[in-house]
Each structure stands twice: as C-alpha cells, then as structure tokens.
Amino acid sequence: MTPEPAQLDAWGKQAFAEKNYDEAADYFRQAAEGFALGRADLSAAESRNNMSVALLKAGKPLEALEAALATDVTFAGAKDAKRQAMALGNQAAALEELRRYDEAIEKYERSAELFASVNEGDLRSTVMKSAAALKLKSGRIAESAFKMMGAVDAKDSPTLFERVMKFFMRFIK
C-alpha cells in the first residue's frame, strides 16, 4: 500500500531533522507528486519547497532551483504572500549557490517586499541580510550597506549589535 502524501511529508521532515537531506528530498518529491495527483496544489507546492531546501542542504543547487520554480506563482494565485515570499527566498538561495547573483538578489528583494506586506519583519530582515551579503560579495558595497540598514530597520526586535551597527552605518550615507 502506498503511503499518503501527508505521511511522506512527515517522513521527509523527520529525515531532514536527522540531516538525511537526500532521503528527505525524496520523501518530499513523493509527497509533492501525491498531493498533485489529488489536486492539492498548495500542499504540492509546499512539499516542492521543502524538497528544494533539502536539495540545497544536500549540495544540489540546480535540482533545488528546479524544485522551487513556479511554486511562488502557485502561492500568488492563492493570495498566500507569506509562502510566496518563502518560495522566492528558496529560489534565491539556490540561484546564489549557482552564482547567478543578479537573479538571486532580485528574488531576495521581491521576497522581502512580500514579507513586509504581511508584517513578517524578522523574515524580511533575514532575506534583506541575504541580499545585502550577496551585494557585498559581488562588490556592490554602498548598496549593500543601505540594504543592511533596511534589514535592521525591518527587524521587530533588533539586537544590541544591530542597533550599534545601525548607528555607525548612518555615517556612510
């Protein structure tokens, strides 16, 4: 008897927690296929995003990108901005690993906008920090500093270090 997609998804989460990323990705793939057969598109997209994260952790960024592609469109169609933002963030992380920096930055920024639209300040801050770090890595230092300031501003409860960093970053404007 074939396991239900929800059971496969649960096994994927367990394998992921145990750092068995290839196994987790396989369970998430099977879950996504099962959900898609049952016309549970949102659950299928969620499983594909979970698969993307597992594949990225397994060192397979191209497969991770392929798994997450178009899931943001599914969530957008359902008006689920938070999961749409997460999907874009997953795509951005895979693009970053593939050294497709401009595309990654674009996805990170769109993700941050969506997180802001649903009042997810901490998630927005995390994504903005990723975009800023990527800009720094690609030599766009001034732009990176401004993004980092925005990331600190977006955070609901900045740490002492982040508040101090914000103070000093005012001087480079």
Protein backbone atom coordinates (compact mmCIF):
# COMPACT_ATOMS: atom_id res chain seq x y z
CA MET A 1 0.00 0.00 0.00
CA THR A 2 1.31 3.42 -0.98
CA PRO A 3 1.68 5.90 1.89
CA GLU A 4 -0.47 9.04 1.87
CA PRO A 5 1.25 12.26 0.81
CA ALA A 6 0.91 13.71 4.32
CA GLN A 7 2.77 10.69 5.73
CA LEU A 8 5.52 11.05 3.12
CA ASP A 9 5.79 14.73 4.01
CA ALA A 10 6.12 13.84 7.71
CA TRP A 11 8.84 11.29 6.90
CA GLY A 12 10.61 13.96 4.86
CA LYS A 13 10.57 16.35 7.81
CA GLN A 14 11.93 13.62 10.08
CA ALA A 15 14.72 12.74 7.63
CA PHE A 16 15.54 16.45 7.29
CA ALA A 17 15.74 16.85 11.08
CA GLU A 18 18.15 13.90 11.12
CA LYS A 19 20.22 15.64 8.40
CA ASN A 20 19.47 12.92 5.84
CA TYR A 21 18.91 15.51 3.14
CA ASP A 22 18.84 13.23 0.09
CA GLU A 23 16.33 10.95 1.78
CA ALA A 24 14.25 13.95 2.88
CA ALA A 25 14.24 15.34 -0.66
CA ASP A 26 13.00 12.01 -1.99
CA TYR A 27 10.16 11.86 0.53
CA PHE A 28 9.19 15.46 -0.27
CA ARG A 29 9.26 14.66 -4.01
CA GLN A 30 6.93 11.70 -3.48
CA ALA A 31 4.66 13.80 -1.27
CA ALA A 32 4.52 16.57 -3.89
CA GLU A 33 3.61 14.05 -6.59
CA GLY A 34 0.89 12.56 -4.39
CA PHE A 35 -0.55 15.95 -3.49
CA ALA A 36 -0.52 16.97 -7.17
CA LEU A 37 -2.42 13.82 -8.14
CA GLY A 38 -5.04 14.71 -5.54
CA ARG A 39 -5.22 18.24 -6.91
CA ALA A 40 -3.91 19.65 -3.64
CA ASP A 41 -1.78 22.24 -5.42
CA LEU A 42 -0.81 24.29 -2.37
CA SER A 43 0.34 21.21 -0.47
CA ALA A 44 2.26 20.03 -3.54
CA ALA A 45 3.97 23.43 -3.82
CA GLU A 46 4.80 23.34 -0.10
CA SER A 47 6.37 19.89 -0.48
CA ARG A 48 8.34 21.07 -3.51
CA ASN A 49 9.71 23.96 -1.45
CA ASN A 50 10.66 21.57 1.35
CA MET A 51 12.34 19.40 -1.28
CA SER A 52 14.21 22.48 -2.54
CA VAL A 53 15.61 23.23 0.92
CA ALA A 54 16.67 19.60 1.40
CA LEU A 55 18.36 19.51 -2.01
CA LEU A 56 20.20 22.73 -1.26
CA LYS A 57 21.42 21.26 2.02
CA ALA A 58 22.50 18.15 0.09
CA GLY A 59 24.64 20.34 -2.16
CA LYS A 60 22.41 20.12 -5.23
CA PRO A 61 21.55 23.75 -6.04
CA LEU A 62 20.36 23.18 -9.62
CA GLU A 63 17.91 20.50 -8.50
CA ALA A 64 16.88 22.76 -5.60
CA LEU A 65 16.11 25.58 -8.00
CA GLU A 66 14.11 23.28 -10.30
CA ALA A 67 12.08 22.01 -7.33
CA ALA A 68 11.11 25.52 -6.20
CA LEU A 69 10.49 27.09 -9.61
CA ALA A 70 6.93 28.32 -10.15
CA THR A 71 5.84 27.46 -6.61
CA ASP A 72 5.73 31.21 -5.95
CA VAL A 73 3.17 31.50 -8.75
CA THR A 74 1.01 28.83 -7.11
CA PHE A 75 1.07 30.68 -3.80
CA ALA A 76 0.44 34.02 -5.51
CA GLY A 77 -2.66 32.53 -7.15
CA ALA A 78 -3.90 31.54 -3.71
CA LYS A 79 -3.07 35.01 -2.35
CA ASP A 80 -0.68 33.43 0.17
CA ALA A 81 2.00 36.13 0.26
CA LYS A 82 3.97 34.58 3.12
CA ARG A 83 4.50 31.24 1.38
CA GLN A 84 5.07 33.08 -1.92
CA ALA A 85 7.86 35.04 -0.21
CA MET A 86 9.35 31.84 1.20
CA ALA A 87 9.28 30.22 -2.24
CA LEU A 88 11.09 33.22 -3.75
CA GLY A 89 13.63 33.05 -0.94
CA ASN A 90 14.24 29.37 -1.67
CA GLN A 91 14.72 30.14 -5.36
CA ALA A 92 17.11 32.98 -4.46
CA ALA A 93 19.19 30.74 -2.20
CA ALA A 94 19.56 28.17 -4.99
CA LEU A 95 20.44 30.90 -7.51
CA GLU A 96 23.03 32.24 -5.10
CA GLU A 97 24.66 28.81 -4.83
CA LEU A 98 24.66 28.65 -8.63
CA ARG A 99 26.47 32.03 -8.63
CA ARG A 100 23.62 33.67 -10.53
CA TYR A 101 23.87 36.66 -8.21
CA ASP A 102 21.78 39.25 -10.04
CA GLU A 103 18.84 36.85 -10.31
CA ALA A 104 19.25 35.86 -6.66
CA ILE A 105 19.27 39.48 -5.49
CA GLU A 106 16.12 40.18 -7.50
CA LYS A 107 14.31 37.21 -5.90
CA TYR A 108 15.54 38.13 -2.40
CA GLU A 109 14.26 41.68 -2.84
CA ARG A 110 10.85 40.52 -4.09
CA SER A 111 10.69 38.11 -1.16
CA ALA A 112 11.47 40.94 1.28
CA GLU A 113 8.70 43.09 -0.23
CA LEU A 114 6.18 40.29 0.24
CA PHE A 115 7.28 39.62 3.82
CA ALA A 116 6.81 43.34 4.51
CA SER A 117 3.30 43.22 3.04
CA VAL A 118 2.27 40.59 5.61
CA ASN A 119 4.09 42.19 8.57
CA GLU A 120 6.78 39.50 8.82
CA GLY A 121 9.58 41.84 9.91
CA ASP A 122 12.01 39.20 11.13
CA LEU A 123 11.67 37.11 7.97
CA ARG A 124 12.00 40.26 5.87
CA SER A 125 15.13 41.20 7.80
CA THR A 126 16.67 37.76 7.21
CA VAL A 127 16.03 37.95 3.46
CA MET A 128 17.34 41.52 3.27
CA LYS A 129 20.53 40.47 5.06
CA SER A 130 21.00 37.72 2.46
CA ALA A 131 20.56 40.26 -0.35
CA ALA A 132 22.97 42.68 1.33
CA ALA A 133 25.60 39.98 1.86
CA LEU A 134 25.29 38.94 -1.77
CA LYS A 135 25.68 42.54 -2.92
CA LEU A 136 28.75 42.85 -0.73
CA LYS A 137 30.15 39.63 -2.17
CA SER A 138 29.60 40.92 -5.70
CA GLY A 139 31.36 44.24 -4.95
CA ARG A 140 28.33 46.50 -4.55
CA ILE A 141 29.46 47.83 -1.18
CA ALA A 142 27.44 51.06 -0.81
CA GLU A 143 24.26 49.38 -1.99
CA SER A 144 24.96 46.54 0.45
CA ALA A 145 25.30 48.95 3.37
CA PHE A 146 21.95 50.54 2.62
CA LYS A 147 20.30 47.12 2.34
CA MET A 148 21.80 46.09 5.67
CA MET A 149 20.39 49.25 7.27
CA GLY A 150 17.00 48.38 5.85
CA ALA A 151 17.33 44.86 7.21
CA VAL A 152 17.96 46.17 10.71
CA ASP A 153 15.06 48.64 10.38
CA ALA A 154 12.76 45.81 9.29
CA LYS A 155 13.52 43.60 12.26
CA ASP A 156 10.90 43.61 15.00
CA SER A 157 13.44 43.37 17.86
CA PRO A 158 16.98 44.31 16.77
CA THR A 159 19.80 43.05 18.95
CA LEU A 160 22.22 45.40 20.67
CA PHE A 161 24.81 44.67 17.97
CA GLU A 162 22.30 45.51 15.24
CA ARG A 163 21.37 48.80 16.92
CA VAL A 164 25.06 49.74 17.22
CA MET A 165 25.64 48.75 13.60
CA LYS A 166 22.72 50.95 12.55
CA PHE A 167 24.22 53.88 14.47
CA PHE A 168 27.57 53.58 12.68
CA MET A 169 26.03 52.94 9.28
CA ARG A 170 24.31 56.34 9.40
CA PHE A 171 27.71 57.92 8.81
CA ILE A 172 28.26 56.28 5.42
CA LYS A 173 25.10 57.66 3.84
